């Protein structure tokens, strides 16, 4: 048999061998999902992202046709959960609730253990929420002006709680302190729930938690809201002014979150996930559930969402330089 004929036969044989493999992969994508989906939440239960993710998981499960199971993998400001998903199979059965700290950690940590841009496909942004400046309701601090006056009277002694280094509750306060030219002691906790408990227990003077975690305590009369850091007043608490209204420039800060999957996840699966969430988030009951927590549906496609990660990294780096923070 001549070499050209041999090569031709080998080529046909190889094609025949690979065809079932390609067909199998295509069928797997078409059948997706065929089993329950794991949605990794890299934060503690009861935090703002956890509350939001559970609302969204319940809404999207019947649309996508499989259970969506939240798994809390907290630790290292969200880095542990991100590492787990980054190393997971790119088959659409492991998601991560990606939020602003996942991007911020690329600047806050020298080695977070993942690359927020290279190790993930950012499917879409789903929701956002304000952060709110609060004090204990028993405090004699009744306004932002009172808080600033207290900080000036006790330079570097007034303590505030955050949900962790690099979180919106940390950078938001540092942005406020810088704008008002005052200082305070930073006490990082493990998530917004612990932040709120620290304020309730008078372990710190104030904090800036995500709205969804603070709101129940505000309604119960245990926390006093002084301002929200959004672009406009939150409709759930319309009487509370924005920081911008109170003269704090450049104080708009939003806590956002969405869905990301391991890099290499096929386009067909990504599109299936995106379509399911678009349908789920269009339901009035889902919109209402988020609004009750002080949040809102805030969808962006994958391209815009990925750009948001880059912008968050730039913002974090600028804030770190401004307040003198070094990467951990």
C-alpha atoms as a PDB file:
ATOM      1  CA  UNK A   1       0.000   0.000   0.000  1.00  0.00           C
ATOM      2  CA  UNK A   2       1.432   3.370  -0.990  1.00  0.00           C
ATOM      3  CA  UNK A   3       2.041   6.045   1.642  1.00  0.00           C
ATOM      4  CA  UNK A   4      -0.708   8.388   0.329  1.00  0.00           C
ATOM      5  CA  UNK A   5      -3.243   5.560   0.491  1.00  0.00           C
ATOM      6  CA  UNK A   6      -2.065   4.573   3.977  1.00  0.00           C
ATOM      7  CA  UNK A   7      -2.368   8.175   5.224  1.00  0.00           C
ATOM      8  CA  UNK A   8      -5.841   8.437   3.711  1.00  0.00           C
ATOM      9  CA  UNK A   9      -7.028   5.266   5.440  1.00  0.00           C
ATOM     10  CA  UNK A  10      -5.514   6.358   8.743  1.00  0.00           C
ATOM     11  CA  UNK A  11      -7.241   9.713   8.403  1.00  0.00           C
ATOM     12  CA  UNK A  12     -10.616   8.061   7.856  1.00  0.00           C
ATOM     13  CA  UNK A  13     -10.026   5.770  10.828  1.00  0.00           C
ATOM     14  CA  UNK A  14      -9.081   8.675  13.102  1.00  0.00           C
ATOM     15  CA  UNK A  15     -12.139  10.652  12.023  1.00  0.00           C
ATOM     16  CA  UNK A  16     -14.347   7.664  12.750  1.00  0.00           C
ATOM     17  CA  UNK A  17     -12.827   7.333  16.210  1.00  0.00           C
ATOM     18  CA  UNK A  18     -13.248  11.013  17.070  1.00  0.00           C
ATOM     19  CA  UNK A  19     -16.786  11.361  15.726  1.00  0.00           C
ATOM     20  CA  UNK A  20     -18.463   9.581  18.673  1.00  0.00           C
ATOM     21  CA  UNK A  21     -16.466  11.731  21.084  1.00  0.00           C
ATOM     22  CA  UNK A  22     -17.549  14.938  19.382  1.00  0.00           C
ATOM     23  CA  UNK A  23     -21.118  13.711  19.127  1.00  0.00           C
ATOM     24  CA  UNK A  24     -21.072  12.791  22.817  1.00  0.00           C
ATOM     25  CA  UNK A  25     -19.883  16.249  23.851  1.00  0.00           C
ATOM     26  CA  UNK A  26     -22.502  17.907  21.667  1.00  0.00           C
ATOM     27  CA  UNK A  27     -25.229  15.721  23.148  1.00  0.00           C
ATOM     28  CA  UNK A  28     -24.032  16.517  26.680  1.00  0.00           C
ATOM     29  CA  UNK A  29     -24.311  20.233  25.948  1.00  0.00           C
ATOM     30  CA  UNK A  30     -27.748  19.779  24.394  1.00  0.00           C
ATOM     31  CA  UNK A  31     -28.949  17.768  27.401  1.00  0.00           C
ATOM     32  CA  UNK A  32     -27.599  20.276  29.917  1.00  0.00           C
ATOM     33  CA  UNK A  33     -28.460  20.235  32.704  1.00  0.00           C
ATOM     34  CA  UNK A  34     -29.142  16.576  33.423  1.00  0.00           C
ATOM     35  CA  UNK A  35     -28.324  16.602  37.151  1.00  0.00           C
ATOM     36  CA  UNK A  36     -28.388  19.057  40.100  1.00  0.00           C
ATOM     37  CA  UNK A  37     -26.154  22.122  39.924  1.00  0.00           C
ATOM     38  CA  UNK A  38     -23.852  23.256  42.714  1.00  0.00           C
ATOM     39  CA  UNK A  39     -23.720  27.026  43.276  1.00  0.00           C
ATOM     40  CA  UNK A  40     -20.745  27.900  45.455  1.00  0.00           C
ATOM     41  CA  UNK A  41     -21.281  30.893  47.728  1.00  0.00           C
ATOM     42  CA  UNK A  42     -17.812  31.980  48.951  1.00  0.00           C
ATOM     43  CA  UNK A  43     -19.281  33.717  52.003  1.00  0.00           C
ATOM     44  CA  UNK A  44     -20.983  32.767  55.248  1.00  0.00           C
ATOM     45  CA  UNK A  45     -24.674  31.924  55.492  1.00  0.00           C
ATOM     46  CA  UNK A  46     -26.777  34.945  56.390  1.00  0.00           C
ATOM     47  CA  UNK A  47     -24.587  37.470  54.589  1.00  0.00           C
ATOM     48  CA  UNK A  48     -25.977  39.770  51.910  1.00  0.00           C
ATOM     49  CA  UNK A  49     -24.701  37.666  48.990  1.00  0.00           C
ATOM     50  CA  UNK A  50     -26.068  34.524  50.658  1.00  0.00           C
ATOM     51  CA  UNK A  51     -29.542  36.027  51.025  1.00  0.00           C
ATOM     52  CA  UNK A  52     -29.541  37.199  47.409  1.00  0.00           C
ATOM     53  CA  UNK A  53     -28.155  33.946  46.009  1.00  0.00           C
ATOM     54  CA  UNK A  54     -30.813  31.872  47.764  1.00  0.00           C
ATOM     55  CA  UNK A  55     -33.586  34.028  46.316  1.00  0.00           C
ATOM     56  CA  UNK A  56     -32.080  33.614  42.853  1.00  0.00           C
ATOM     57  CA  UNK A  57     -31.402  29.878  43.203  1.00  0.00           C
ATOM     58  CA  UNK A  58     -35.010  29.209  44.141  1.00  0.00           C
ATOM     59  CA  UNK A  59     -36.187  31.264  41.168  1.00  0.00           C
ATOM     60  CA  UNK A  60     -33.901  29.783  38.514  1.00  0.00           C
ATOM     61  CA  UNK A  61     -34.186  26.082  39.472  1.00  0.00           C
ATOM     62  CA  UNK A  62     -37.622  25.466  37.895  1.00  0.00           C
ATOM     63  CA  UNK A  63     -36.598  27.448  34.827  1.00  0.00           C
ATOM     64  CA  UNK A  64     -33.377  25.560  34.170  1.00  0.00           C
ATOM     65  CA  UNK A  65     -35.030  22.268  35.128  1.00  0.00           C
ATOM     66  CA  UNK A  66     -32.719  21.016  37.885  1.00  0.00           C
ATOM     67  CA  UNK A  67     -32.182  21.773  41.595  1.00  0.00           C
ATOM     68  CA  UNK A  68     -29.642  24.539  42.232  1.00  0.00           C
ATOM     69  CA  UNK A  69     -27.935  23.818  45.544  1.00  0.00           C
ATOM     70  CA  UNK A  70     -26.160  26.599  47.439  1.00  0.00           C
ATOM     71  CA  UNK A  71     -22.909  25.505  49.076  1.00  0.00           C
ATOM     72  CA  UNK A  72     -21.283  28.010  51.443  1.00  0.00           C
ATOM     73  CA  UNK A  73     -17.494  27.814  51.104  1.00  0.00           C
ATOM     74  CA  UNK A  74     -16.427  30.811  53.155  1.00  0.00           C
ATOM     75  CA  UNK A  75     -12.930  31.810  54.156  1.00  0.00           C
ATOM     76  CA  UNK A  76     -10.075  34.159  53.240  1.00  0.00           C
ATOM     77  CA  UNK A  77     -12.517  36.920  52.201  1.00  0.00           C
ATOM     78  CA  UNK A  78     -14.042  34.677  49.534  1.00  0.00           C
ATOM     79  CA  UNK A  79     -10.769  33.363  48.121  1.00  0.00           C
ATOM     80  CA  UNK A  80     -11.349  29.768  49.253  1.00  0.00           C
ATOM     81  CA  UNK A  81     -14.622  29.392  47.368  1.00  0.00           C
ATOM     82  CA  UNK A  82     -13.161  31.051  44.282  1.00  0.00           C
ATOM     83  CA  UNK A  83     -10.208  28.644  44.266  1.00  0.00           C
ATOM     84  CA  UNK A  84     -12.561  25.658  44.483  1.00  0.00           C
ATOM     85  CA  UNK A  85     -14.604  26.765  41.476  1.00  0.00           C
ATOM     86  CA  UNK A  86     -11.555  27.806  39.448  1.00  0.00           C
ATOM     87  CA  UNK A  87     -10.311  24.201  39.681  1.00  0.00           C
ATOM     88  CA  UNK A  88     -13.707  22.592  39.002  1.00  0.00           C
ATOM     89  CA  UNK A  89     -14.667  20.904  35.707  1.00  0.00           C
ATOM     90  CA  UNK A  90     -15.882  23.340  33.057  1.00  0.00           C
ATOM     91  CA  UNK A  91     -19.113  21.420  32.527  1.00  0.00           C
ATOM     92  CA  UNK A  92     -21.702  23.875  33.847  1.00  0.00           C
ATOM     93  CA  UNK A  93     -22.428  21.965  37.051  1.00  0.00           C
ATOM     94  CA  UNK A  94     -20.391  24.208  39.349  1.00  0.00           C
ATOM     95  CA  UNK A  95     -21.205  27.908  39.522  1.00  0.00           C
ATOM     96  CA  UNK A  96     -19.898  30.628  41.785  1.00  0.00           C
ATOM     97  CA  UNK A  97     -21.809  33.619  43.104  1.00  0.00           C
ATOM     98  CA  UNK A  98     -19.230  36.147  42.000  1.00  0.00           C
ATOM     99  CA  UNK A  99     -19.313  39.520  43.729  1.00  0.00           C
ATOM    100  CA  UNK A 100     -17.250  42.701  44.023  1.00  0.00           C
ATOM    101  CA  UNK A 101     -14.798  41.248  46.601  1.00  0.00           C
ATOM    102  CA  UNK A 102     -13.786  38.541  44.120  1.00  0.00           C
ATOM    103  CA  UNK A 103     -12.380  41.304  41.907  1.00  0.00           C
ATOM    104  CA  UNK A 104     -11.121  43.443  44.796  1.00  0.00           C
ATOM    105  CA  UNK A 105      -9.142  40.519  46.189  1.00  0.00           C
ATOM    106  CA  UNK A 106      -6.979  40.550  43.071  1.00  0.00           C
ATOM    107  CA  UNK A 107      -5.513  43.765  44.469  1.00  0.00           C
ATOM    108  CA  UNK A 108      -6.035  43.234  48.200  1.00  0.00           C
ATOM    109  CA  UNK A 109      -4.044  39.974  48.243  1.00  0.00           C
ATOM    110  CA  UNK A 110      -0.618  39.266  46.792  1.00  0.00           C
ATOM    111  CA  UNK A 111      -1.683  35.719  45.943  1.00  0.00           C
ATOM    112  CA  UNK A 112      -5.438  35.106  46.164  1.00  0.00           C
ATOM    113  CA  UNK A 113      -4.977  31.706  44.538  1.00  0.00           C
ATOM    114  CA  UNK A 114      -6.964  32.449  41.384  1.00  0.00           C
ATOM    115  CA  UNK A 115      -7.189  34.959  38.563  1.00  0.00           C
ATOM    116  CA  UNK A 116     -10.611  36.588  38.427  1.00  0.00           C
ATOM    117  CA  UNK A 117     -10.307  37.230  34.690  1.00  0.00           C
ATOM    118  CA  UNK A 118      -8.435  34.169  33.398  1.00  0.00           C
ATOM    119  CA  UNK A 119      -9.874  31.392  35.560  1.00  0.00           C
ATOM    120  CA  UNK A 120     -13.574  32.185  35.047  1.00  0.00           C
ATOM    121  CA  UNK A 121     -16.197  32.951  32.441  1.00  0.00           C
ATOM    122  CA  UNK A 122     -18.387  35.682  33.855  1.00  0.00           C
ATOM    123  CA  UNK A 123     -21.842  34.723  32.649  1.00  0.00           C
ATOM    124  CA  UNK A 124     -23.796  37.777  33.776  1.00  0.00           C
ATOM    125  CA  UNK A 125     -24.426  40.244  36.562  1.00  0.00           C
ATOM    126  CA  UNK A 126     -27.684  39.502  38.357  1.00  0.00           C
ATOM    127  CA  UNK A 127     -28.391  41.944  41.170  1.00  0.00           C
ATOM    128  CA  UNK A 128     -27.036  44.817  43.204  1.00  0.00           C
ATOM    129  CA  UNK A 129     -27.678  46.439  46.548  1.00  0.00           C
ATOM    130  CA  UNK A 130     -26.741  49.553  48.443  1.00  0.00           C
ATOM    131  CA  UNK A 131     -24.541  49.681  51.481  1.00  0.00           C
ATOM    132  CA  UNK A 132     -25.860  51.702  54.403  1.00  0.00           C
ATOM    133  CA  UNK A 133     -24.048  53.608  57.140  1.00  0.00           C
ATOM    134  CA  UNK A 134     -25.452  52.553  60.529  1.00  0.00           C
ATOM    135  CA  UNK A 135     -24.942  53.009  64.248  1.00  0.00           C
ATOM    136  CA  UNK A 136     -26.545  51.333  67.230  1.00  0.00           C
ATOM    137  CA  UNK A 137     -30.021  52.789  67.748  1.00  0.00           C
ATOM    138  CA  UNK A 138     -29.073  53.555  71.361  1.00  0.00           C
ATOM    139  CA  UNK A 139     -26.163  55.743  70.231  1.00  0.00           C
ATOM    140  CA  UNK A 140     -26.376  59.505  70.596  1.00  0.00           C
ATOM    141  CA  UNK A 141     -24.993  59.764  67.056  1.00  0.00           C
ATOM    142  CA  UNK A 142     -28.028  60.730  65.025  1.00  0.00           C
ATOM    143  CA  UNK A 143     -26.508  61.971  61.770  1.00  0.00           C
ATOM    144  CA  UNK A 144     -23.414  61.824  59.607  1.00  0.00           C
ATOM    145  CA  UNK A 145     -22.409  65.214  61.000  1.00  0.00           C
ATOM    146  CA  UNK A 146     -22.552  63.783  64.526  1.00  0.00           C
ATOM    147  CA  UNK A 147     -20.404  60.817  63.503  1.00  0.00           C
ATOM    148  CA  UNK A 148     -17.789  63.007  61.834  1.00  0.00           C
ATOM    149  CA  UNK A 149     -17.689  65.296  64.880  1.00  0.00           C
ATOM    150  CA  UNK A 150     -17.154  62.266  67.124  1.00  0.00           C
ATOM    151  CA  UNK A 151     -14.341  61.000  64.909  1.00  0.00           C
ATOM    152  CA  UNK A 152     -12.643  64.394  64.963  1.00  0.00           C
ATOM    153  CA  UNK A 153     -12.931  64.568  68.740  1.00  0.00           C
ATOM    154  CA  UNK A 154     -11.387  61.093  69.064  1.00  0.00           C
ATOM    155  CA  UNK A 155      -8.893  60.892  66.176  1.00  0.00           C
ATOM    156  CA  UNK A 156      -7.961  57.326  65.330  1.00  0.00           C
ATOM    157  CA  UNK A 157      -9.883  55.921  68.301  1.00  0.00           C
ATOM    158  CA  UNK A 158     -13.409  55.442  66.980  1.00  0.00           C
ATOM    159  CA  UNK A 159     -13.771  51.883  65.672  1.00  0.00           C
ATOM    160  CA  UNK A 160     -15.839  50.620  62.768  1.00  0.00           C
ATOM    161  CA  UNK A 161     -16.632  47.084  61.639  1.00  0.00           C
ATOM    162  CA  UNK A 162     -16.391  45.701  58.127  1.00  0.00           C
ATOM    163  CA  UNK A 163     -17.335  42.375  56.604  1.00  0.00           C
ATOM    164  CA  UNK A 164     -13.701  41.744  55.724  1.00  0.00           C
ATOM    165  CA  UNK A 165     -10.707  43.394  54.137  1.00  0.00           C
ATOM    166  CA  UNK A 166     -11.504  44.685  50.649  1.00  0.00           C
ATOM    167  CA  UNK A 167     -15.273  44.283  50.935  1.00  0.00           C
ATOM    168  CA  UNK A 168     -17.595  47.185  50.065  1.00  0.00           C
ATOM    169  CA  UNK A 169     -18.188  47.654  53.806  1.00  0.00           C
ATOM    170  CA  UNK A 170     -14.452  48.248  54.232  1.00  0.00           C
ATOM    171  CA  UNK A 171     -13.676  50.358  51.170  1.00  0.00           C
ATOM    172  CA  UNK A 172     -16.891  52.329  51.573  1.00  0.00           C
ATOM    173  CA  UNK A 173     -15.970  53.490  55.068  1.00  0.00           C
ATOM    174  CA  UNK A 174     -12.398  54.283  54.037  1.00  0.00           C
ATOM    175  CA  UNK A 175     -13.763  56.339  51.155  1.00  0.00           C
ATOM    176  CA  UNK A 176     -16.020  58.212  53.592  1.00  0.00           C
ATOM    177  CA  UNK A 177     -13.227  58.800  56.115  1.00  0.00           C
ATOM    178  CA  UNK A 178     -10.951  60.095  53.395  1.00  0.00           C
ATOM    179  CA  UNK A 179     -13.623  62.461  52.080  1.00  0.00           C
ATOM    180  CA  UNK A 180     -14.281  63.821  55.586  1.00  0.00           C
ATOM    181  CA  UNK A 181     -10.553  63.932  56.465  1.00  0.00           C
ATOM    182  CA  UNK A 182     -10.973  61.846  59.618  1.00  0.00           C
ATOM    183  CA  UNK A 183      -9.570  58.514  60.792  1.00  0.00           C
ATOM    184  CA  UNK A 184     -11.003  55.481  62.569  1.00  0.00           C
ATOM    185  CA  UNK A 185      -9.891  52.016  63.632  1.00  0.00           C
ATOM    186  CA  UNK A 186     -10.785  49.184  61.265  1.00  0.00           C
ATOM    187  CA  UNK A 187     -12.146  45.972  62.813  1.00  0.00           C
ATOM    188  CA  UNK A 188     -12.638  43.354  60.049  1.00  0.00           C
ATOM    189  CA  UNK A 189     -15.178  40.603  60.724  1.00  0.00           C
ATOM    190  CA  UNK A 190     -16.216  37.500  58.791  1.00  0.00           C
ATOM    191  CA  UNK A 191     -19.103  38.839  56.776  1.00  0.00           C
ATOM    192  CA  UNK A 192     -21.873  41.391  57.079  1.00  0.00           C
ATOM    193  CA  UNK A 193     -23.793  39.436  59.730  1.00  0.00           C
ATOM    194  CA  UNK A 194     -20.859  39.614  62.149  1.00  0.00           C
ATOM    195  CA  UNK A 195     -20.417  43.275  61.222  1.00  0.00           C
ATOM    196  CA  UNK A 196     -24.011  44.017  62.201  1.00  0.00           C
ATOM    197  CA  UNK A 197     -23.672  42.028  65.428  1.00  0.00           C
ATOM    198  CA  UNK A 198     -20.582  44.043  66.337  1.00  0.00           C
ATOM    199  CA  UNK A 199     -22.524  47.295  65.961  1.00  0.00           C
ATOM    200  CA  UNK A 200     -25.492  45.877  67.879  1.00  0.00           C
ATOM    201  CA  UNK A 201     -23.170  44.735  70.661  1.00  0.00           C
ATOM    202  CA  UNK A 202     -21.405  48.112  70.894  1.00  0.00           C
ATOM    203  CA  UNK A 203     -18.097  46.467  70.050  1.00  0.00           C
ATOM    204  CA  UNK A 204     -17.660  49.199  67.438  1.00  0.00           C
ATOM    205  CA  UNK A 205     -19.207  52.621  66.893  1.00  0.00           C
ATOM    206  CA  UNK A 206     -20.474  52.181  63.351  1.00  0.00           C
ATOM    207  CA  UNK A 207     -20.361  50.171  60.156  1.00  0.00           C
ATOM    208  CA  UNK A 208     -21.469  50.164  56.537  1.00  0.00           C
ATOM    209  CA  UNK A 209     -23.064  46.757  55.847  1.00  0.00           C
ATOM    210  CA  UNK A 210     -24.924  45.664  52.774  1.00  0.00           C
ATOM    211  CA  UNK A 211     -28.548  46.778  52.936  1.00  0.00           C
ATOM    212  CA  UNK A 212     -30.118  43.313  52.973  1.00  0.00           C
ATOM    213  CA  UNK A 213     -28.340  42.329  56.196  1.00  0.00           C
ATOM    214  CA  UNK A 214     -28.882  45.631  57.996  1.00  0.00           C
ATOM    215  CA  UNK A 215     -32.520  46.150  57.025  1.00  0.00           C
ATOM    216  CA  UNK A 216     -34.184  43.686  59.460  1.00  0.00           C
ATOM    217  CA  UNK A 217     -32.363  45.326  62.375  1.00  0.00           C
ATOM    218  CA  UNK A 218     -33.289  48.783  61.107  1.00  0.00           C
ATOM    219  CA  UNK A 219     -36.965  47.784  60.943  1.00  0.00           C
ATOM    220  CA  UNK A 220     -36.687  46.283  64.435  1.00  0.00           C
ATOM    221  CA  UNK A 221     -35.430  49.620  65.725  1.00  0.00           C
ATOM    222  CA  UNK A 222     -32.028  48.247  66.734  1.00  0.00           C
ATOM    223  CA  UNK A 223     -29.927  50.016  64.108  1.00  0.00           C
ATOM    224  CA  UNK A 224     -30.115  53.659  63.071  1.00  0.00           C
ATOM    225  CA  UNK A 225     -29.382  54.340  59.394  1.00  0.00           C
ATOM    226  CA  UNK A 226     -27.472  57.564  58.771  1.00  0.00           C
ATOM    227  CA  UNK A 227     -27.009  57.429  54.999  1.00  0.00           C
ATOM    228  CA  UNK A 228     -26.941  55.130  51.984  1.00  0.00           C
ATOM    229  CA  UNK A 229     -24.025  55.062  49.579  1.00  0.00           C
ATOM    230  CA  UNK A 230     -26.087  54.605  46.428  1.00  0.00           C
ATOM    231  CA  UNK A 231     -26.654  57.005  43.562  1.00  0.00           C
ATOM    232  CA  UNK A 232     -30.149  57.718  44.878  1.00  0.00           C
ATOM    233  CA  UNK A 233     -32.232  57.030  47.975  1.00  0.00           C
ATOM    234  CA  UNK A 234     -33.284  53.462  48.532  1.00  0.00           C
ATOM    235  CA  UNK A 235     -37.059  53.074  47.996  1.00  0.00           C
ATOM    236  CA  UNK A 236     -37.322  50.823  51.063  1.00  0.00           C
ATOM    237  CA  UNK A 237     -36.012  53.642  53.306  1.00  0.00           C
ATOM    238  CA  UNK A 238     -36.819  56.809  51.356  1.00  0.00           C
ATOM    239  CA  UNK A 239     -36.301  59.028  54.404  1.00  0.00           C
ATOM    240  CA  UNK A 240     -32.594  58.155  54.619  1.00  0.00           C
ATOM    241  CA  UNK A 241     -30.385  60.532  52.583  1.00  0.00           C
ATOM    242  CA  UNK A 242     -27.534  59.500  50.317  1.00  0.00           C
ATOM    243  CA  UNK A 243     -23.963  60.363  51.209  1.00  0.00           C
ATOM    244  CA  UNK A 244     -23.870  62.558  48.112  1.00  0.00           C
ATOM    245  CA  UNK A 245     -26.833  64.554  49.422  1.00  0.00           C
ATOM    246  CA  UNK A 246     -24.883  65.090  52.626  1.00  0.00           C
ATOM    247  CA  UNK A 247     -21.976  66.581  50.720  1.00  0.00           C
ATOM    248  CA  UNK A 248     -19.693  63.551  50.462  1.00  0.00           C
ATOM    249  CA  UNK A 249     -18.322  63.611  46.919  1.00  0.00           C
ATOM    250  CA  UNK A 250     -17.544  60.433  45.007  1.00  0.00           C
ATOM    251  CA  UNK A 251     -19.325  58.334  47.597  1.00  0.00           C
ATOM    252  CA  UNK A 252     -21.431  56.146  45.317  1.00  0.00           C
ATOM    253  CA  UNK A 253     -20.812  52.526  46.184  1.00  0.00           C
ATOM    254  CA  UNK A 254     -22.798  49.499  45.093  1.00  0.00           C
ATOM    255  CA  UNK A 255     -22.514  45.898  46.189  1.00  0.00           C
ATOM    256  CA  UNK A 256     -23.107  43.706  43.147  1.00  0.00           C
ATOM    257  CA  UNK A 257     -23.147  40.028  42.354  1.00  0.00           C
ATOM    258  CA  UNK A 258     -23.667  37.600  39.536  1.00  0.00           C
ATOM    259  CA  UNK A 259     -22.835  34.199  38.176  1.00  0.00           C
ATOM    260  CA  UNK A 260     -19.510  32.926  36.903  1.00  0.00           C
ATOM    261  CA  UNK A 261     -18.319  29.483  35.852  1.00  0.00           C
ATOM    262  CA  UNK A 262     -14.900  27.896  35.301  1.00  0.00           C
ATOM    263  CA  UNK A 263     -12.985  29.087  32.235  1.00  0.00           C
ATOM    264  CA  UNK A 264     -13.533  26.805  29.280  1.00  0.00           C
ATOM    265  CA  UNK A 265     -17.230  26.214  29.917  1.00  0.00           C
ATOM    266  CA  UNK A 266     -18.830  25.749  26.453  1.00  0.00           C
ATOM    267  CA  UNK A 267     -20.772  28.601  24.884  1.00  0.00           C
ATOM    268  CA  UNK A 268     -23.958  26.535  24.622  1.00  0.00           C
ATOM    269  CA  UNK A 269     -23.985  25.911  28.370  1.00  0.00           C
ATOM    270  CA  UNK A 270     -23.198  29.542  29.203  1.00  0.00           C
ATOM    271  CA  UNK A 271     -26.044  30.674  26.955  1.00  0.00           C
ATOM    272  CA  UNK A 272     -28.416  28.179  28.602  1.00  0.00           C
ATOM    273  CA  UNK A 273     -27.533  29.513  32.060  1.00  0.00           C
ATOM    274  CA  UNK A 274     -27.901  33.117  30.953  1.00  0.00           C
ATOM    275  CA  UNK A 275     -31.278  32.511  29.322  1.00  0.00           C
ATOM    276  CA  UNK A 276     -32.570  30.761  32.443  1.00  0.00           C
ATOM    277  CA  UNK A 277     -31.604  33.658  34.695  1.00  0.00           C
ATOM    278  CA  UNK A 278     -33.027  36.257  32.320  1.00  0.00           C
ATOM    279  CA  UNK A 279     -36.371  34.455  32.467  1.00  0.00           C
ATOM    280  CA  UNK A 280     -36.217  33.940  36.244  1.00  0.00           C
ATOM    281  CA  UNK A 281     -35.347  37.567  36.988  1.00  0.00           C
ATOM    282  CA  UNK A 282     -38.253  38.802  34.883  1.00  0.00           C
ATOM    283  CA  UNK A 283     -40.717  37.345  37.392  1.00  0.00           C
ATOM    284  CA  UNK A 284     -42.419  40.036  39.521  1.00  0.00           C
ATOM    285  CA  UNK A 285     -42.139  37.915  42.673  1.00  0.00           C
ATOM    286  CA  UNK A 286     -38.346  37.739  42.286  1.00  0.00           C
ATOM    287  CA  UNK A 287     -38.112  41.488  41.734  1.00  0.00           C
ATOM    288  CA  UNK A 288     -40.248  42.027  44.847  1.00  0.00           C
ATOM    289  CA  UNK A 289     -38.195  39.583  46.938  1.00  0.00           C
ATOM    290  CA  UNK A 290     -34.989  41.442  46.118  1.00  0.00           C
ATOM    291  CA  UNK A 291     -36.605  44.818  46.777  1.00  0.00           C
ATOM    292  CA  UNK A 292     -37.767  43.634  50.187  1.00  0.00           C
ATOM    293  CA  UNK A 293     -34.091  43.085  51.006  1.00  0.00           C
ATOM    294  CA  UNK A 294     -33.140  46.535  49.741  1.00  0.00           C
ATOM    295  CA  UNK A 295     -31.729  45.110  46.514  1.00  0.00           C
ATOM    296  CA  UNK A 296     -32.703  45.172  42.870  1.00  0.00           C
ATOM    297  CA  UNK A 297     -32.453  43.198  39.661  1.00  0.00           C
ATOM    298  CA  UNK A 298     -29.395  44.559  37.855  1.00  0.00           C
ATOM    299  CA  UNK A 299     -28.595  42.446  34.799  1.00  0.00           C
ATOM    300  CA  UNK A 300     -25.525  42.831  32.605  1.00  0.00           C
ATOM    301  CA  UNK A 301     -24.338  40.481  29.887  1.00  0.00           C
ATOM    302  CA  UNK A 302     -21.060  38.605  30.164  1.00  0.00           C
ATOM    303  CA  UNK A 303     -18.997  41.240  28.385  1.00  0.00           C
ATOM    304  CA  UNK A 304     -20.222  44.125  30.534  1.00  0.00           C
ATOM    305  CA  UNK A 305     -19.946  42.010  33.672  1.00  0.00           C
ATOM    306  CA  UNK A 306     -16.333  41.134  32.887  1.00  0.00           C
ATOM    307  CA  UNK A 307     -15.599  44.821  32.345  1.00  0.00           C
ATOM    308  CA  UNK A 308     -17.098  45.446  35.784  1.00  0.00           C
ATOM    309  CA  UNK A 309     -14.480  43.164  37.306  1.00  0.00           C
ATOM    310  CA  UNK A 310     -11.705  45.167  35.678  1.00  0.00           C
ATOM    311  CA  UNK A 311     -13.206  48.441  36.906  1.00  0.00           C
ATOM    312  CA  UNK A 312     -13.500  47.063  40.445  1.00  0.00           C
ATOM    313  CA  UNK A 313      -9.812  46.153  40.412  1.00  0.00           C
ATOM    314  CA  UNK A 314      -8.883  49.673  39.293  1.00  0.00           C
ATOM    315  CA  UNK A 315     -11.138  51.208  41.963  1.00  0.00           C
ATOM    316  CA  UNK A 316      -9.703  48.964  44.678  1.00  0.00           C
ATOM    317  CA  UNK A 317      -6.122  49.741  43.735  1.00  0.00           C
ATOM    318  CA  UNK A 318      -6.853  53.477  43.746  1.00  0.00           C
ATOM    319  CA  UNK A 319      -8.555  53.258  47.147  1.00  0.00           C
ATOM    320  CA  UNK A 320      -5.680  51.255  48.596  1.00  0.00           C
ATOM    321  CA  UNK A 321      -3.175  53.868  47.492  1.00  0.00           C
ATOM    322  CA  UNK A 322      -5.377  56.668  48.780  1.00  0.00           C
ATOM    323  CA  UNK A 323      -5.682  55.253  52.284  1.00  0.00           C
ATOM    324  CA  UNK A 324      -2.261  53.614  52.458  1.00  0.00           C
ATOM    325  CA  UNK A 325      -3.268  49.948  52.349  1.00  0.00           C
ATOM    326  CA  UNK A 326      -0.711  47.342  51.301  1.00  0.00           C
ATOM    327  CA  UNK A 327      -1.645  43.985  49.723  1.00  0.00           C
ATOM    328  CA  UNK A 328      -1.893  41.173  52.248  1.00  0.00           C
END
